Amino acid sequence: MKPAEARKIIRERARNSAHIVILSHARRQMTARDIDDLDVQRVLTGGAITEGPYRPTDRPELWRCNVRGCIAGDRIEVVVDIPPEPPLLYVITAMALGR
């Protein structure tokens, strides 16, 4: 998968917040870093891919990307898995990178 294709899929799927599945590790990291669900959705719908897409070694059926965006002046990076079948996205973690 090429970055442009991954970006298109991520943006389409992330338009509906019900399609974004935030895994427990990501939820803990988001809480610790003061990142909310809407921040994640905004990054996924408007951010840029900074790494990937690549296949994670533990889940080769998926594609994984790091997506970075700026929300209210703060840079946030979200690691997301794209399963082959729509419509879901799995958020692995989210990081606040500062201003």
PDB file of N, CA and C in Angstrom:
ATOM      1  N   MET A   1       0.850  -1.173   0.000  1.00  0.00           N
ATOM      2  CA  MET A   1       0.000   0.000   0.000  1.00  0.00           C
ATOM      3  C   MET A   1       0.898   1.239   0.000  1.00  0.00           C
ATOM      4  N   LYS A   2       0.516   2.207  -0.793  1.00  0.00           N
ATOM      5  CA  LYS A   2       1.269   3.458  -0.864  1.00  0.00           C
ATOM      6  C   LYS A   2       0.698   4.461   0.142  1.00  0.00           C
ATOM      7  N   PRO A   3       1.522   5.431   0.578  1.00  0.00           N
ATOM      8  CA  PRO A   3       1.047   6.408   1.556  1.00  0.00           C
ATOM      9  C   PRO A   3      -0.228   7.148   1.132  1.00  0.00           C
ATOM     10  N   ALA A   4      -0.340   7.511  -0.123  1.00  0.00           N
ATOM     11  CA  ALA A   4      -1.536   8.240  -0.573  1.00  0.00           C
ATOM     12  C   ALA A   4      -2.795   7.387  -0.423  1.00  0.00           C
ATOM     13  N   GLU A   5      -2.680   6.104  -0.716  1.00  0.00           N
ATOM     14  CA  GLU A   5      -3.819   5.201  -0.568  1.00  0.00           C
ATOM     15  C   GLU A   5      -4.177   5.031   0.904  1.00  0.00           C
ATOM     16  N   ALA A   6      -3.165   4.859   1.753  1.00  0.00           N
ATOM     17  CA  ALA A   6      -3.406   4.720   3.189  1.00  0.00           C
ATOM     18  C   ALA A   6      -4.065   5.980   3.751  1.00  0.00           C
ATOM     19  N   ARG A   7      -3.568   7.147   3.345  1.00  0.00           N
ATOM     20  CA  ARG A   7      -4.142   8.409   3.822  1.00  0.00           C
ATOM     21  C   ARG A   7      -5.619   8.505   3.444  1.00  0.00           C
ATOM     22  N   LYS A   8      -5.954   8.123   2.221  1.00  0.00           N
ATOM     23  CA  LYS A   8      -7.344   8.171   1.759  1.00  0.00           C
ATOM     24  C   LYS A   8      -8.225   7.235   2.577  1.00  0.00           C
ATOM     25  N   ILE A   9      -7.762   6.013   2.803  1.00  0.00           N
ATOM     26  CA  ILE A   9      -8.532   5.038   3.582  1.00  0.00           C
ATOM     27  C   ILE A   9      -8.724   5.531   5.009  1.00  0.00           C
ATOM     28  N   ILE A  10      -7.649   6.010   5.630  1.00  0.00           N
ATOM     29  CA  ILE A  10      -7.735   6.497   7.012  1.00  0.00           C
ATOM     30  C   ILE A  10      -8.728   7.640   7.110  1.00  0.00           C
ATOM     31  N   ARG A  11      -8.637   8.599   6.225  1.00  0.00           N
ATOM     32  CA  ARG A  11      -9.540   9.756   6.278  1.00  0.00           C
ATOM     33  C   ARG A  11     -10.991   9.349   6.082  1.00  0.00           C
ATOM     34  N   GLU A  12     -11.239   8.454   5.136  1.00  0.00           N
ATOM     35  CA  GLU A  12     -12.614   8.005   4.891  1.00  0.00           C
ATOM     36  C   GLU A  12     -13.191   7.284   6.105  1.00  0.00           C
ATOM     37  N   ARG A  13     -12.422   6.359   6.652  1.00  0.00           N
ATOM     38  CA  ARG A  13     -12.918   5.580   7.790  1.00  0.00           C
ATOM     39  C   ARG A  13     -13.055   6.432   9.050  1.00  0.00           C
ATOM     40  N   ALA A  14     -12.150   7.381   9.240  1.00  0.00           N
ATOM     41  CA  ALA A  14     -12.151   8.193  10.465  1.00  0.00           C
ATOM     42  C   ALA A  14     -13.244   9.258  10.482  1.00  0.00           C
ATOM     43  N   ARG A  15     -13.871   9.512   9.353  1.00  0.00           N
ATOM     44  CA  ARG A  15     -14.966  10.499   9.346  1.00  0.00           C
ATOM     45  C   ARG A  15     -16.075  10.124  10.316  1.00  0.00           C
ATOM     46  N   ASN A  16     -16.294   8.818  10.491  1.00  0.00           N
ATOM     47  CA  ASN A  16     -17.302   8.340  11.425  1.00  0.00           C
ATOM     48  C   ASN A  16     -16.576   7.865  12.682  1.00  0.00           C
ATOM     49  N   SER A  17     -16.793   8.544  13.788  1.00  0.00           N
ATOM     50  CA  SER A  17     -16.061   8.205  15.024  1.00  0.00           C
ATOM     51  C   SER A  17     -16.337   6.784  15.498  1.00  0.00           C
ATOM     52  N   ALA A  18     -17.471   6.209  15.112  1.00  0.00           N
ATOM     53  CA  ALA A  18     -17.791   4.832  15.506  1.00  0.00           C
ATOM     54  C   ALA A  18     -16.854   3.827  14.858  1.00  0.00           C
ATOM     55  N   HIS A  19     -16.136   4.224  13.814  1.00  0.00           N
ATOM     56  CA  HIS A  19     -15.206   3.334  13.122  1.00  0.00           C
ATOM     57  C   HIS A  19     -13.813   3.347  13.742  1.00  0.00           C
ATOM     58  N   ILE A  20     -13.591   4.235  14.705  1.00  0.00           N
ATOM     59  CA  ILE A  20     -12.282   4.351  15.349  1.00  0.00           C
ATOM     60  C   ILE A  20     -12.309   3.562  16.655  1.00  0.00           C
ATOM     61  N   VAL A  21     -11.553   2.468  16.686  1.00  0.00           N
ATOM     62  CA  VAL A  21     -11.484   1.619  17.875  1.00  0.00           C
ATOM     63  C   VAL A  21     -10.187   1.968  18.602  1.00  0.00           C
ATOM     64  N   ILE A  22     -10.334   2.477  19.817  1.00  0.00           N
ATOM     65  CA  ILE A  22      -9.172   2.871  20.609  1.00  0.00           C
ATOM     66  C   ILE A  22      -8.842   1.724  21.562  1.00  0.00           C
ATOM     67  N   LEU A  23      -7.693   1.089  21.329  1.00  0.00           N
ATOM     68  CA  LEU A  23      -7.294  -0.053  22.140  1.00  0.00           C
ATOM     69  C   LEU A  23      -6.888   0.394  23.547  1.00  0.00           C
ATOM     70  N   SER A  24      -6.870  -0.540  24.488  1.00  0.00           N
ATOM     71  CA  SER A  24      -6.667  -0.189  25.901  1.00  0.00           C
ATOM     72  C   SER A  24      -5.336   0.526  26.149  1.00  0.00           C
ATOM     73  N   HIS A  25      -4.271   0.099  25.498  1.00  0.00           N
ATOM     74  CA  HIS A  25      -2.985   0.788  25.661  1.00  0.00           C
ATOM     75  C   HIS A  25      -3.106   2.244  25.199  1.00  0.00           C
ATOM     76  N   ALA A  26      -3.730   2.434  24.047  1.00  0.00           N
ATOM     77  CA  ALA A  26      -3.903   3.790  23.523  1.00  0.00           C
ATOM     78  C   ALA A  26      -4.740   4.637  24.482  1.00  0.00           C
ATOM     79  N   ARG A  27      -5.790   4.040  25.025  1.00  0.00           N
ATOM     80  CA  ARG A  27      -6.661   4.781  25.957  1.00  0.00           C
ATOM     81  C   ARG A  27      -5.857   5.242  27.174  1.00  0.00           C
ATOM     82  N   ARG A  28      -5.020   4.363  27.723  1.00  0.00           N
ATOM     83  CA  ARG A  28      -4.202   4.752  28.886  1.00  0.00           C
ATOM     84  C   ARG A  28      -3.245   5.884  28.515  1.00  0.00           C
ATOM     85  N   GLN A  29      -2.602   5.770  27.358  1.00  0.00           N
ATOM     86  CA  GLN A  29      -1.657   6.796  26.922  1.00  0.00           C
ATOM     87  C   GLN A  29      -2.366   8.124  26.654  1.00  0.00           C
ATOM     88  N   MET A  30      -3.537   8.050  26.061  1.00  0.00           N
ATOM     89  CA  MET A  30      -4.300   9.273  25.790  1.00  0.00           C
ATOM     90  C   MET A  30      -4.671   9.972  27.096  1.00  0.00           C
ATOM     91  N   THR A  31      -5.106   9.210  28.078  1.00  0.00           N
ATOM     92  CA  THR A  31      -5.469   9.788  29.373  1.00  0.00           C
ATOM     93  C   THR A  31      -4.255  10.446  30.019  1.00  0.00           C
ATOM     94  N   ALA A  32      -3.132   9.759  30.007  1.00  0.00           N
ATOM     95  CA  ALA A  32      -1.908  10.290  30.619  1.00  0.00           C
ATOM     96  C   ALA A  32      -1.401  11.529  29.899  1.00  0.00           C
ATOM     97  N   ARG A  33      -1.675  11.625  28.607  1.00  0.00           N
ATOM     98  CA  ARG A  33      -1.150  12.721  27.790  1.00  0.00           C
ATOM     99  C   ARG A  33      -2.198  13.778  27.462  1.00  0.00           C
ATOM    100  N   ASP A  34      -3.371  13.684  28.097  1.00  0.00           N
ATOM    101  CA  ASP A  34      -4.448  14.655  27.921  1.00  0.00           C
ATOM    102  C   ASP A  34      -4.866  14.798  26.451  1.00  0.00           C
ATOM    103  N   ILE A  35      -5.026  13.650  25.791  1.00  0.00           N
ATOM    104  CA  ILE A  35      -5.504  13.596  24.411  1.00  0.00           C
ATOM    105  C   ILE A  35      -6.880  12.950  24.450  1.00  0.00           C
ATOM    106  N   ASP A  36      -7.866  13.566  23.810  1.00  0.00           N
ATOM    107  CA  ASP A  36      -9.200  12.969  23.825  1.00  0.00           C
ATOM    108  C   ASP A  36      -9.552  12.345  22.476  1.00  0.00           C
ATOM    109  N   ASP A  37     -10.701  11.694  22.430  1.00  0.00           N
ATOM    110  CA  ASP A  37     -11.133  10.983  21.222  1.00  0.00           C
ATOM    111  C   ASP A  37     -11.268  11.919  20.027  1.00  0.00           C
ATOM    112  N   LEU A  38     -11.773  13.109  20.261  1.00  0.00           N
ATOM    113  CA  LEU A  38     -11.939  14.066  19.169  1.00  0.00           C
ATOM    114  C   LEU A  38     -10.588  14.506  18.617  1.00  0.00           C
ATOM    115  N   ASP A  39      -9.590  14.663  19.486  1.00  0.00           N
ATOM    116  CA  ASP A  39      -8.224  14.981  19.019  1.00  0.00           C
ATOM    117  C   ASP A  39      -7.730  13.896  18.075  1.00  0.00           C
ATOM    118  N   VAL A  40      -7.935  12.640  18.460  1.00  0.00           N
ATOM    119  CA  VAL A  40      -7.497  11.514  17.634  1.00  0.00           C
ATOM    120  C   VAL A  40      -8.221  11.538  16.294  1.00  0.00           C
ATOM    121  N   GLN A  41      -9.527  11.736  16.329  1.00  0.00           N
ATOM    122  CA  GLN A  41     -10.295  11.770  15.083  1.00  0.00           C
ATOM    123  C   GLN A  41      -9.814  12.905  14.174  1.00  0.00           C
ATOM    124  N   ARG A  42      -9.549  14.051  14.749  1.00  0.00           N
ATOM    125  CA  ARG A  42      -9.073  15.187  13.940  1.00  0.00           C
ATOM    126  C   ARG A  42      -7.710  14.906  13.317  1.00  0.00           C
ATOM    127  N   VAL A  43      -6.828  14.272  14.066  1.00  0.00           N
ATOM    128  CA  VAL A  43      -5.523  13.906  13.499  1.00  0.00           C
ATOM    129  C   VAL A  43      -5.711  12.925  12.348  1.00  0.00           C
ATOM    130  N   LEU A  44      -6.565  11.928  12.543  1.00  0.00           N
ATOM    131  CA  LEU A  44      -6.752  10.916  11.506  1.00  0.00           C
ATOM    132  C   LEU A  44      -7.430  11.471  10.255  1.00  0.00           C
ATOM    133  N   THR A  45      -8.317  12.426  10.414  1.00  0.00           N
ATOM    134  CA  THR A  45      -9.003  12.979   9.237  1.00  0.00           C
ATOM    135  C   THR A  45      -8.218  14.083   8.544  1.00  0.00           C
ATOM    136  N   GLY A  46      -7.293  14.719   9.259  1.00  0.00           N
ATOM    137  CA  GLY A  46      -6.594  15.846   8.643  1.00  0.00           C
ATOM    138  C   GLY A  46      -5.088  15.815   8.695  1.00  0.00           C
ATOM    139  N   GLY A  47      -4.525  14.797   9.336  1.00  0.00           N
ATOM    140  CA  GLY A  47      -3.080  14.744   9.508  1.00  0.00           C
ATOM    141  C   GLY A  47      -2.343  14.155   8.320  1.00  0.00           C
ATOM    142  N   ALA A  48      -1.035  14.111   8.471  1.00  0.00           N
ATOM    143  CA  ALA A  48      -0.149  13.585   7.433  1.00  0.00           C
ATOM    144  C   ALA A  48       0.534  12.324   7.943  1.00  0.00           C
ATOM    145  N   ILE A  49       0.729  11.360   7.062  1.00  0.00           N
ATOM    146  CA  ILE A  49       1.436  10.143   7.425  1.00  0.00           C
ATOM    147  C   ILE A  49       2.928  10.470   7.541  1.00  0.00           C
ATOM    148  N   THR A  50       3.497  10.148   8.701  1.00  0.00           N
ATOM    149  CA  THR A  50       4.918  10.402   8.934  1.00  0.00           C
ATOM    150  C   THR A  50       5.750   9.126   8.883  1.00  0.00           C
ATOM    151  N   GLU A  51       5.081   7.981   9.015  1.00  0.00           N
ATOM    152  CA  GLU A  51       5.775   6.697   8.925  1.00  0.00           C
ATOM    153  C   GLU A  51       4.794   5.659   8.388  1.00  0.00           C
ATOM    154  N   GLY A  52       5.256   4.872   7.435  1.00  0.00           N
ATOM    155  CA  GLY A  52       4.420   3.819   6.881  1.00  0.00           C
ATOM    156  C   GLY A  52       3.789   4.240   5.570  1.00  0.00           C
ATOM    157  N   PRO A  53       2.898   3.428   5.108  1.00  0.00           N
ATOM    158  CA  PRO A  53       2.366   2.232   5.745  1.00  0.00           C
ATOM    159  C   PRO A  53       3.355   1.069   5.708  1.00  0.00           C
ATOM    160  N   TYR A  54       3.291   0.277   6.772  1.00  0.00           N
ATOM    161  CA  TYR A  54       4.130  -0.912   6.874  1.00  0.00           C
ATOM    162  C   TYR A  54       3.309  -2.001   7.553  1.00  0.00           C
ATOM    163  N   ARG A  55       3.755  -3.231   7.414  1.00  0.00           N
ATOM    164  CA  ARG A  55       3.053  -4.351   8.044  1.00  0.00           C
ATOM    165  C   ARG A  55       3.724  -4.662   9.380  1.00  0.00           C
ATOM    166  N   PRO A  56       2.969  -4.580  10.486  1.00  0.00           N
ATOM    167  CA  PRO A  56       3.566  -4.920  11.780  1.00  0.00           C
ATOM    168  C   PRO A  56       3.903  -6.414  11.831  1.00  0.00           C
ATOM    169  N   THR A  57       5.016  -6.743  12.448  1.00  0.00           N
ATOM    170  CA  THR A  57       5.463  -8.139  12.472  1.00  0.00           C
ATOM    171  C   THR A  57       4.489  -9.045  13.225  1.00  0.00           C
ATOM    172  N   ASP A  58       3.796  -8.505  14.232  1.00  0.00           N
ATOM    173  CA  ASP A  58       2.877  -9.326  15.011  1.00  0.00           C
ATOM    174  C   ASP A  58       1.497  -9.463  14.362  1.00  0.00           C
ATOM    175  N   ARG A  59       1.185  -8.633  13.369  1.00  0.00           N
ATOM    176  CA  ARG A  59      -0.125  -8.664  12.694  1.00  0.00           C
ATOM    177  C   ARG A  59       0.059  -8.375  11.205  1.00  0.00           C
ATOM    178  N   PRO A  60       0.651  -9.298  10.437  1.00  0.00           N
ATOM    179  CA  PRO A  60       0.983  -9.021   9.036  1.00  0.00           C
ATOM    180  C   PRO A  60      -0.211  -8.830   8.113  1.00  0.00           C
ATOM    181  N   GLU A  61      -1.413  -9.123   8.589  1.00  0.00           N
ATOM    182  CA  GLU A  61      -2.600  -8.901   7.755  1.00  0.00           C
ATOM    183  C   GLU A  61      -3.030  -7.428   7.755  1.00  0.00           C
ATOM    184  N   LEU A  62      -2.453  -6.626   8.641  1.00  0.00           N
ATOM    185  CA  LEU A  62      -2.806  -5.207   8.781  1.00  0.00           C
ATOM    186  C   LEU A  62      -1.748  -4.320   8.138  1.00  0.00           C
ATOM    187  N   TRP A  63      -2.124  -3.083   7.914  1.00  0.00           N
ATOM    188  CA  TRP A  63      -1.167  -2.023   7.568  1.00  0.00           C
ATOM    189  C   TRP A  63      -1.141  -1.062   8.743  1.00  0.00           C
ATOM    190  N   ARG A  64       0.021  -0.548   9.087  1.00  0.00           N
ATOM    191  CA  ARG A  64       0.172   0.387  10.206  1.00  0.00           C
ATOM    192  C   ARG A  64       0.783   1.682   9.698  1.00  0.00           C
ATOM    193  N   CYS A  65       0.293   2.797  10.251  1.00  0.00           N
ATOM    194  CA  CYS A  65       0.804   4.125   9.896  1.00  0.00           C
ATOM    195  C   CYS A  65       0.900   4.984  11.139  1.00  0.00           C
ATOM    196  N   ASN A  66       1.844   5.903  11.121  1.00  0.00           N
ATOM    197  CA  ASN A  66       1.898   6.986  12.092  1.00  0.00           C
ATOM    198  C   ASN A  66       1.344   8.212  11.385  1.00  0.00           C
ATOM    199  N   VAL A  67       0.382   8.854  12.030  1.00  0.00           N
ATOM    200  CA  VAL A  67      -0.259  10.031  11.446  1.00  0.00           C
ATOM    201  C   VAL A  67      -0.065  11.191  12.414  1.00  0.00           C
ATOM    202  N   ARG A  68       0.422  12.306  11.902  1.00  0.00           N
ATOM    203  CA  ARG A  68       0.700  13.469  12.738  1.00  0.00           C
ATOM    204  C   ARG A  68      -0.165  14.644  12.305  1.00  0.00           C
ATOM    205  N   GLY A  69      -0.696  15.347  13.320  1.00  0.00           N
ATOM    206  CA  GLY A  69      -1.489  16.538  13.057  1.00  0.00           C
ATOM    207  C   GLY A  69      -1.278  17.561  14.147  1.00  0.00           C
ATOM    208  N   CYS A  70      -1.783  18.743  13.914  1.00  0.00           N
ATOM    209  CA  CYS A  70      -1.682  19.840  14.878  1.00  0.00           C
ATOM    210  C   CYS A  70      -3.094  20.189  15.343  1.00  0.00           C
ATOM    211  N   ILE A  71      -3.325  20.025  16.639  1.00  0.00           N
ATOM    212  CA  ILE A  71      -4.632  20.283  17.223  1.00  0.00           C
ATOM    213  C   ILE A  71      -4.470  21.356  18.284  1.00  0.00           C
ATOM    214  N   ALA A  72      -5.127  22.495  18.090  1.00  0.00           N
ATOM    215  CA  ALA A  72      -5.070  23.615  19.033  1.00  0.00           C
ATOM    216  C   ALA A  72      -3.623  23.989  19.363  1.00  0.00           C
ATOM    217  N   GLY A  73      -2.765  23.963  18.361  1.00  0.00           N
ATOM    218  CA  GLY A  73      -1.375  24.346  18.532  1.00  0.00           C
ATOM    219  C   GLY A  73      -0.458  23.248  19.024  1.00  0.00           C
ATOM    220  N   ASP A  74      -1.018  22.092  19.383  1.00  0.00           N
ATOM    221  CA  ASP A  74      -0.206  20.972  19.864  1.00  0.00           C
ATOM    222  C   ASP A  74      -0.067  19.922  18.767  1.00  0.00           C
ATOM    223  N   ARG A  75       1.159  19.429  18.598  1.00  0.00           N
ATOM    224  CA  ARG A  75       1.389  18.350  17.627  1.00  0.00           C
ATOM    225  C   ARG A  75       1.090  17.012  18.305  1.00  0.00           C
ATOM    226  N   ILE A  76       0.274  16.204  17.628  1.00  0.00           N
ATOM    227  CA  ILE A  76      -0.120  14.899  18.143  1.00  0.00           C
ATOM    228  C   ILE A  76       0.170  13.867  17.065  1.00  0.00           C
ATOM    229  N   GLU A  77       0.710  12.742  17.486  1.00  0.00           N
ATOM    230  CA  GLU A  77       0.946  11.640  16.554  1.00  0.00           C
ATOM    231  C   GLU A  77       0.152  10.429  17.019  1.00  0.00           C
ATOM    232  N   VAL A  78      -0.551   9.812  16.077  1.00  0.00           N
ATOM    233  CA  VAL A  78      -1.400   8.653  16.340  1.00  0.00           C
ATOM    234  C   VAL A  78      -0.875   7.485  15.512  1.00  0.00           C
ATOM    235  N   VAL A  79      -0.698   6.341  16.164  1.00  0.00           N
ATOM    236  CA  VAL A  79      -0.324   5.122  15.452  1.00  0.00           C
ATOM    237  C   VAL A  79      -1.613   4.326  15.260  1.00  0.00           C
ATOM    238  N   VAL A  80      -1.896   3.998  14.005  1.00  0.00           N
ATOM    239  CA  VAL A  80      -3.176   3.380  13.673  1.00  0.00           C
ATOM    240  C   VAL A  80      -2.961   2.173  12.768  1.00  0.00           C
ATOM    241  N   ASP A  81      -3.743   1.120  13.020  1.00  0.00           N
ATOM    242  CA  ASP A  81      -3.746  -0.059  12.162  1.00  0.00           C
ATOM    243  C   ASP A  81      -4.957  -0.003  11.239  1.00  0.00           C
ATOM    244  N   ILE A  82      -4.727  -0.397   9.996  1.00  0.00           N
ATOM    245  CA  ILE A  82      -5.779  -0.444   8.988  1.00  0.00           C
ATOM    246  C   ILE A  82      -6.033  -1.915   8.654  1.00  0.00           C
ATOM    247  N   PRO A  83      -7.166  -2.471   9.106  1.00  0.00           N
ATOM    248  CA  PRO A  83      -7.478  -3.848   8.726  1.00  0.00           C
ATOM    249  C   PRO A  83      -7.919  -3.898   7.263  1.00  0.00           C
ATOM    250  N   PRO A  84      -7.800  -5.075   6.628  1.00  0.00           N
ATOM    251  CA  PRO A  84      -8.128  -5.162   5.207  1.00  0.00           C
ATOM    252  C   PRO A  84      -9.598  -4.893   4.896  1.00  0.00           C
ATOM    253  N   GLU A  85     -10.472  -5.229   5.804  1.00  0.00           N
ATOM    254  CA  GLU A  85     -11.902  -5.025   5.566  1.00  0.00           C
ATOM    255  C   GLU A  85     -12.387  -3.762   6.269  1.00  0.00           C
ATOM    256  N   PRO A  86     -13.078  -2.884   5.556  1.00  0.00           N
ATOM    257  CA  PRO A  86     -13.630  -1.689   6.187  1.00  0.00           C
ATOM    258  C   PRO A  86     -14.709  -2.076   7.187  1.00  0.00           C
ATOM    259  N   PRO A  87     -15.110  -1.220   8.073  1.00  0.00           N
ATOM    260  CA  PRO A  87     -14.805   0.205   8.110  1.00  0.00           C
ATOM    261  C   PRO A  87     -13.884   0.620   9.251  1.00  0.00           C
ATOM    262  N   LEU A  88     -13.360  -0.321  10.041  1.00  0.00           N
ATOM    263  CA  LEU A  88     -12.682   0.041  11.292  1.00  0.00           C
ATOM    264  C   LEU A  88     -11.235   0.487  11.109  1.00  0.00           C
ATOM    265  N   LEU A  89     -10.787   1.265  12.099  1.00  0.00           N
ATOM    266  CA  LEU A  89      -9.383   1.629  12.299  1.00  0.00           C
ATOM    267  C   LEU A  89      -9.070   1.316  13.761  1.00  0.00           C
ATOM    268  N   TYR A  90      -7.874   0.807  14.039  1.00  0.00           N
ATOM    269  CA  TYR A  90      -7.476   0.503  15.408  1.00  0.00           C
ATOM    270  C   TYR A  90      -6.360   1.450  15.837  1.00  0.00           C
ATOM    271  N   VAL A  91      -6.632   2.229  16.873  1.00  0.00           N
ATOM    272  CA  VAL A  91      -5.637   3.160  17.398  1.00  0.00           C
ATOM    273  C   VAL A  91      -4.766   2.400  18.386  1.00  0.00           C
ATOM    274  N   ILE A  92      -3.464   2.328  18.088  1.00  0.00           N
ATOM    275  CA  ILE A  92      -2.502   1.595  18.903  1.00  0.00           C
ATOM    276  C   ILE A  92      -1.986   2.483  20.029  1.00  0.00           C
ATOM    277  N   THR A  93      -1.654   3.726  19.705  1.00  0.00           N
ATOM    278  CA  THR A  93      -1.212   4.683  20.721  1.00  0.00           C
ATOM    279  C   THR A  93      -1.334   6.094  20.168  1.00  0.00           C
ATOM    280  N   ALA A  94      -1.215   7.052  21.048  1.00  0.00           N
ATOM    281  CA  ALA A  94      -1.224   8.469  20.671  1.00  0.00           C
ATOM    282  C   ALA A  94      -0.200   9.189  21.533  1.00  0.00           C
ATOM    283  N   MET A  95       0.527  10.110  20.900  1.00  0.00           N
ATOM    284  CA  MET A  95       1.597  10.824  21.592  1.00  0.00           C
ATOM    285  C   MET A  95       1.436  12.329  21.399  1.00  0.00           C
ATOM    286  N   ALA A  96       1.625  13.074  22.460  1.00  0.00           N
ATOM    287  CA  ALA A  96       1.651  14.527  22.383  1.00  0.00           C
ATOM    288  C   ALA A  96       3.103  14.931  22.170  1.00  0.00           C
ATOM    289  N   LEU A  97       3.370  15.619  21.074  1.00  0.00           N
ATOM    290  CA  LEU A  97       4.738  16.001  20.729  1.00  0.00           C
ATOM    291  C   LEU A  97       5.058  17.439  21.119  1.00  0.00           C
ATOM    292  N   GLY A  98       4.095  18.136  21.668  1.00  0.00           N
ATOM    293  CA  GLY A  98       4.319  19.529  22.060  1.00  0.00           C
ATOM    294  C   GLY A  98       4.053  20.491  20.925  1.00  0.00           C
ATOM    295  N   ARG A  99       4.413  21.726  21.151  1.00  0.00           N
ATOM    296  CA  ARG A  99       4.163  22.790  20.161  1.00  0.00           C
ATOM    297  C   ARG A  99       5.286  22.914  19.180  1.00  0.00           C
TER     298      ARG A  99
END
